[in-house]
N, C-alpha and C. Protein backbone atom coordinates (compact mmCIF):
# COMPACT_ATOMS: atom_id res chain seq x y z
N MET A 1 0.80 -1.02 -0.03
CA MET A 1 0.11 -0.11 -0.57
C MET A 1 0.85 0.61 0.29
N THR A 2 0.55 2.57 -0.94
CA THR A 2 1.29 3.54 -0.72
C THR A 2 1.01 5.08 -0.08
N PRO A 3 1.39 4.82 0.77
CA PRO A 3 1.76 5.97 1.60
C PRO A 3 1.46 7.25 1.16
N LEU A 4 -0.78 7.91 1.72
CA LEU A 4 -0.37 8.33 1.32
C LEU A 4 0.92 10.00 2.55
N PRO A 5 0.24 11.56 0.95
CA PRO A 5 1.64 12.03 0.74
C PRO A 5 1.09 12.79 2.31
N ARG A 6 2.54 13.92 3.35
CA ARG A 6 2.01 14.45 4.27
C ARG A 6 1.36 16.08 3.77
N LEU A 7 0.26 15.88 3.95
CA LEU A 7 0.30 17.75 3.94
C LEU A 7 1.06 18.72 4.34
N GLY A 8 1.42 20.11 3.51
CA GLY A 8 1.71 21.34 4.42
C GLY A 8 0.40 21.64 5.31
N GLN A 9 0.63 22.21 5.72
CA GLN A 9 -0.13 23.44 6.79
C GLN A 9 -1.00 24.25 5.92
N ASP A 10 -1.08 24.75 5.22
CA ASP A 10 -2.56 24.90 4.81
C ASP A 10 -3.29 24.25 4.27
N GLU A 11 -3.25 22.64 3.79
CA GLU A 11 -3.85 21.47 3.72
C GLU A 11 -4.55 21.31 4.68
N LEU A 12 -3.15 20.91 5.40
CA LEU A 12 -4.05 20.69 7.24
C LEU A 12 -5.39 21.52 7.49
N VAL A 13 -4.93 22.81 7.62
CA VAL A 13 -6.12 23.41 8.15
C VAL A 13 -8.01 23.25 6.85
N ASP A 14 -7.15 23.27 6.20
CA ASP A 14 -8.77 23.83 4.76
C ASP A 14 -8.73 21.83 5.05
N ALA A 15 -8.27 20.37 5.63
CA ALA A 15 -8.92 19.84 5.96
C ALA A 15 -9.37 19.39 7.11
N VAL A 16 -8.75 19.81 8.20
CA VAL A 16 -9.64 19.66 9.58
C VAL A 16 -10.87 20.84 9.43
N LEU A 17 -10.61 22.31 8.32
CA LEU A 17 -12.43 22.65 8.64
C LEU A 17 -13.21 22.03 7.45
N ALA A 18 -12.84 21.75 7.29
CA ALA A 18 -13.85 20.44 5.51
C ALA A 18 -14.14 19.69 6.24
N ILE A 19 -13.64 18.87 7.38
CA ILE A 19 -14.65 17.93 8.71
C ILE A 19 -14.78 18.52 9.53
N ALA A 20 -14.83 19.43 10.26
CA ALA A 20 -15.64 20.52 10.84
C ALA A 20 -16.83 20.96 10.64
N GLU A 21 -16.73 21.41 9.04
CA GLU A 21 -18.12 21.59 8.75
C GLU A 21 -19.50 20.71 8.32
N ARG A 22 -18.38 19.12 8.25
CA ARG A 22 -19.25 18.06 8.00
C ARG A 22 -20.57 17.93 8.58
N ASP A 23 -19.28 18.16 10.46
CA ASP A 23 -19.78 17.93 11.85
C ASP A 23 -19.35 18.60 12.57
N PRO A 24 -20.56 19.18 13.29
CA PRO A 24 -21.02 19.87 13.91
C PRO A 24 -20.33 19.69 15.23
N SER A 25 -20.34 18.39 15.65
CA SER A 25 -19.00 18.02 16.81
C SER A 25 -18.39 18.40 16.24
N ILE A 26 -17.85 18.11 16.10
CA ILE A 26 -16.20 18.20 16.28
C ILE A 26 -15.92 19.71 15.79
N ALA A 27 -16.67 20.97 14.88
CA ALA A 27 -16.53 22.05 14.42
C ALA A 27 -16.41 22.63 16.56
N ARG A 28 -17.43 22.03 17.60
CA ARG A 28 -17.22 22.71 18.22
C ARG A 28 -16.20 22.22 19.81
N VAL A 29 -15.54 21.15 19.58
CA VAL A 29 -14.32 19.97 19.99
C VAL A 29 -13.11 21.86 19.66
N LEU A 30 -12.60 21.71 18.11
CA LEU A 30 -11.75 22.20 17.11
C LEU A 30 -11.99 23.57 17.72
N ARG A 31 -13.03 24.37 18.35
CA ARG A 31 -13.78 25.50 19.12
C ARG A 31 -12.98 25.54 20.10
N GLU A 32 -13.07 24.66 21.01
CA GLU A 32 -13.13 24.62 21.84
C GLU A 32 -11.19 24.64 22.40
N ILE A 33 -10.62 23.42 21.45
CA ILE A 33 -9.08 23.55 22.00
C ILE A 33 -8.80 24.44 21.31
N CYS A 34 -9.00 24.95 20.02
CA CYS A 34 -8.60 25.98 19.74
C CYS A 34 -8.79 27.40 20.16
N GLY A 35 -9.40 27.86 21.38
CA GLY A 35 -9.79 28.62 22.17
C GLY A 35 -9.04 28.24 23.51
N LEU A 36 -8.53 27.43 23.89
CA LEU A 36 -7.99 27.40 25.04
C LEU A 36 -6.07 28.18 25.11
N ASP A 37 -5.34 29.07 26.02
CA ASP A 37 -4.63 29.26 25.62
C ASP A 37 -2.89 28.20 25.74
N GLY A 38 -1.92 28.96 24.66
CA GLY A 38 -1.54 27.87 23.89
C GLY A 38 -0.59 26.91 24.62
N ALA A 39 -0.08 27.76 26.73
CA ALA A 39 1.06 25.61 27.14
C ALA A 39 -0.49 24.94 27.72
N VAL A 40 -1.62 24.98 27.71
CA VAL A 40 -2.81 24.36 27.81
C VAL A 40 -3.71 23.30 26.75
N ARG A 41 -2.85 24.13 25.88
CA ARG A 41 -3.81 23.87 24.22
C ARG A 41 -2.88 23.05 23.96
N ALA A 42 -1.48 22.87 24.16
CA ALA A 42 -0.19 22.31 24.29
C ALA A 42 -0.27 20.73 24.95
N SER A 43 -0.33 20.93 25.88
CA SER A 43 0.13 20.02 27.30
C SER A 43 -1.47 19.18 26.95
N ALA A 44 -2.91 19.80 26.57
CA ALA A 44 -3.85 18.46 26.60
C ALA A 44 -3.48 17.91 24.99
N LEU A 45 -3.10 18.39 24.54
CA LEU A 45 -2.57 17.56 23.21
C LEU A 45 -1.86 16.95 22.82
N ASP A 46 -0.36 16.52 24.31
CA ASP A 46 0.17 16.70 24.45
C ASP A 46 -0.04 15.05 24.70
N LEU A 47 -1.07 14.68 25.33
CA LEU A 47 -2.26 13.46 26.60
C LEU A 47 -2.75 12.73 24.91
N VAL A 48 -3.64 13.81 24.24
CA VAL A 48 -4.79 13.63 23.62
C VAL A 48 -3.06 12.31 22.50
N GLY A 49 -2.06 13.10 21.95
CA GLY A 49 -1.07 12.03 20.97
C GLY A 49 -0.07 10.84 21.74
N VAL A 50 -0.41 11.06 22.81
CA VAL A 50 -0.43 9.40 24.19
C VAL A 50 -1.32 8.45 23.54
N HIS A 51 -2.03 9.40 23.89
CA HIS A 51 -3.48 8.23 22.93
C HIS A 51 -3.87 7.65 22.62
N LEU A 52 -3.41 7.88 21.38
CA LEU A 52 -3.63 7.80 20.23
C LEU A 52 -2.37 7.28 19.73
N ARG A 53 -1.27 7.24 19.98
CA ARG A 53 -0.29 6.74 19.96
C ARG A 53 -0.48 4.89 20.13
N ILE A 54 -1.22 5.29 21.69
CA ILE A 54 -0.89 3.86 22.67
C ILE A 54 -1.77 3.32 20.91
N HIS A 55 -2.92 3.71 20.94
CA HIS A 55 -3.82 3.03 19.61
C HIS A 55 -3.12 2.65 18.55
N SER A 56 -2.39 3.22 18.14
CA SER A 56 -1.52 3.35 16.38
C SER A 56 -2.09 3.77 15.42
N ALA A 57 -2.42 5.07 15.64
CA ALA A 57 -3.40 6.23 15.32
C ALA A 57 -3.03 6.62 13.95
N ALA A 58 -3.29 6.89 12.66
CA ALA A 58 -2.68 7.05 11.84
C ALA A 58 -2.19 8.56 11.87
N GLY A 59 -0.41 8.48 11.00
CA GLY A 59 0.15 9.80 10.95
C GLY A 59 0.34 10.88 10.74
N ASP A 60 -1.57 11.15 9.46
CA ASP A 60 -1.57 11.79 9.21
C ASP A 60 -2.56 12.82 10.88
N VAL A 61 -3.36 11.74 11.58
CA VAL A 61 -4.04 12.35 12.65
C VAL A 61 -3.30 13.19 13.96
N LEU A 62 -1.77 12.10 13.80
CA LEU A 62 -0.78 12.73 14.97
C LEU A 62 -0.64 14.61 13.62
N ASP A 63 -0.57 14.02 12.73
CA ASP A 63 0.26 15.40 12.26
C ASP A 63 -0.96 16.44 12.71
N CYS A 64 -1.86 16.24 12.28
CA CYS A 64 -3.01 17.30 12.95
C CYS A 64 -2.99 17.19 14.46
N VAL A 65 -2.72 16.39 15.09
CA VAL A 65 -2.72 17.29 15.86
C VAL A 65 -1.42 17.76 16.53
N ALA A 66 -0.38 17.33 16.11
CA ALA A 66 0.41 18.44 16.79
C ALA A 66 0.97 19.48 15.69
N ALA A 67 -0.05 19.75 14.67
CA ALA A 67 -0.18 21.42 14.36
C ALA A 67 -1.30 22.37 14.86
N LEU A 68 -2.45 21.71 16.01
CA LEU A 68 -3.13 21.87 16.14
C LEU A 68 -2.36 22.90 17.93
N LYS A 69 -1.34 22.90 18.18
CA LYS A 69 -0.92 22.74 18.98
C LYS A 69 0.36 24.42 18.48
N ARG A 70 -0.64 24.90 17.46
CA ARG A 70 1.07 25.53 16.92
C ARG A 70 0.17 27.31 17.27
N ASP A 71 0.19 28.09 17.19
CA ASP A 71 -0.37 29.89 18.86
C ASP A 71 -1.04 29.61 16.57
N ASP A 72 -0.30 29.96 15.18
CA ASP A 72 -0.97 30.11 14.85
C ASP A 72 -1.74 29.25 13.32
N VAL A 73 -1.36 27.68 14.17
CA VAL A 73 -2.58 26.95 13.07
C VAL A 73 -4.38 27.52 13.69
N ALA A 74 -3.58 26.72 15.91
CA ALA A 74 -5.17 27.27 16.01
C ALA A 74 -5.80 28.69 15.65
N ARG A 75 -5.52 30.14 15.61
CA ARG A 75 -6.14 31.39 15.11
C ARG A 75 -5.89 30.93 13.64
N ARG A 76 -6.15 30.13 13.44
CA ARG A 76 -5.91 30.65 12.40
C ARG A 76 -8.22 29.26 11.87
N ILE A 77 -7.70 28.28 12.76
CA ILE A 77 -8.99 27.87 12.14
C ILE A 77 -9.77 28.14 13.43
N ALA A 78 -9.35 28.85 14.32
CA ALA A 78 -10.47 29.02 14.85
C ALA A 78 -11.43 30.86 14.65
N GLU A 79 -9.93 31.52 13.55
CA GLU A 79 -11.10 32.25 12.98
C GLU A 79 -12.60 32.42 11.72
N ARG A 80 -11.76 31.11 11.25
CA ARG A 80 -12.56 30.42 10.34
C ARG A 80 -13.21 29.62 11.05
N LEU A 81 -13.67 29.32 11.70
CA LEU A 81 -14.69 28.70 12.25
C LEU A 81 -15.62 29.45 13.07
N GLY A 82 -15.18 31.11 12.94
CA GLY A 82 -16.68 31.90 13.71
C GLY A 82 -17.04 31.21 15.52
N PRO A 83 -16.98 32.20 15.69
CA PRO A 83 -18.48 31.14 17.04
C PRO A 83 -19.28 30.86 17.09
N ALA A 84 -19.40 30.22 18.08
CA ALA A 84 -20.95 28.41 18.20
C ALA A 84 -22.11 29.16 17.44
């Protein structure tokens, strides 16, 4: 099986937002995550990442979690999602 290509930051944000547009529960969680203080968000996502690695999550899922730790990515997602 051929591995999927890694997404760039813009494509990752677009993919996350496309999924959030289709599922309001994901949009709600993303708003909460992206609204956290950077240090709190990073710590929480570290725990999520550990849990996902234990359950052998796909690399693109782990990439998404890692990207959400970045302030610029979280800010872009929050801005595009808008208020609840």
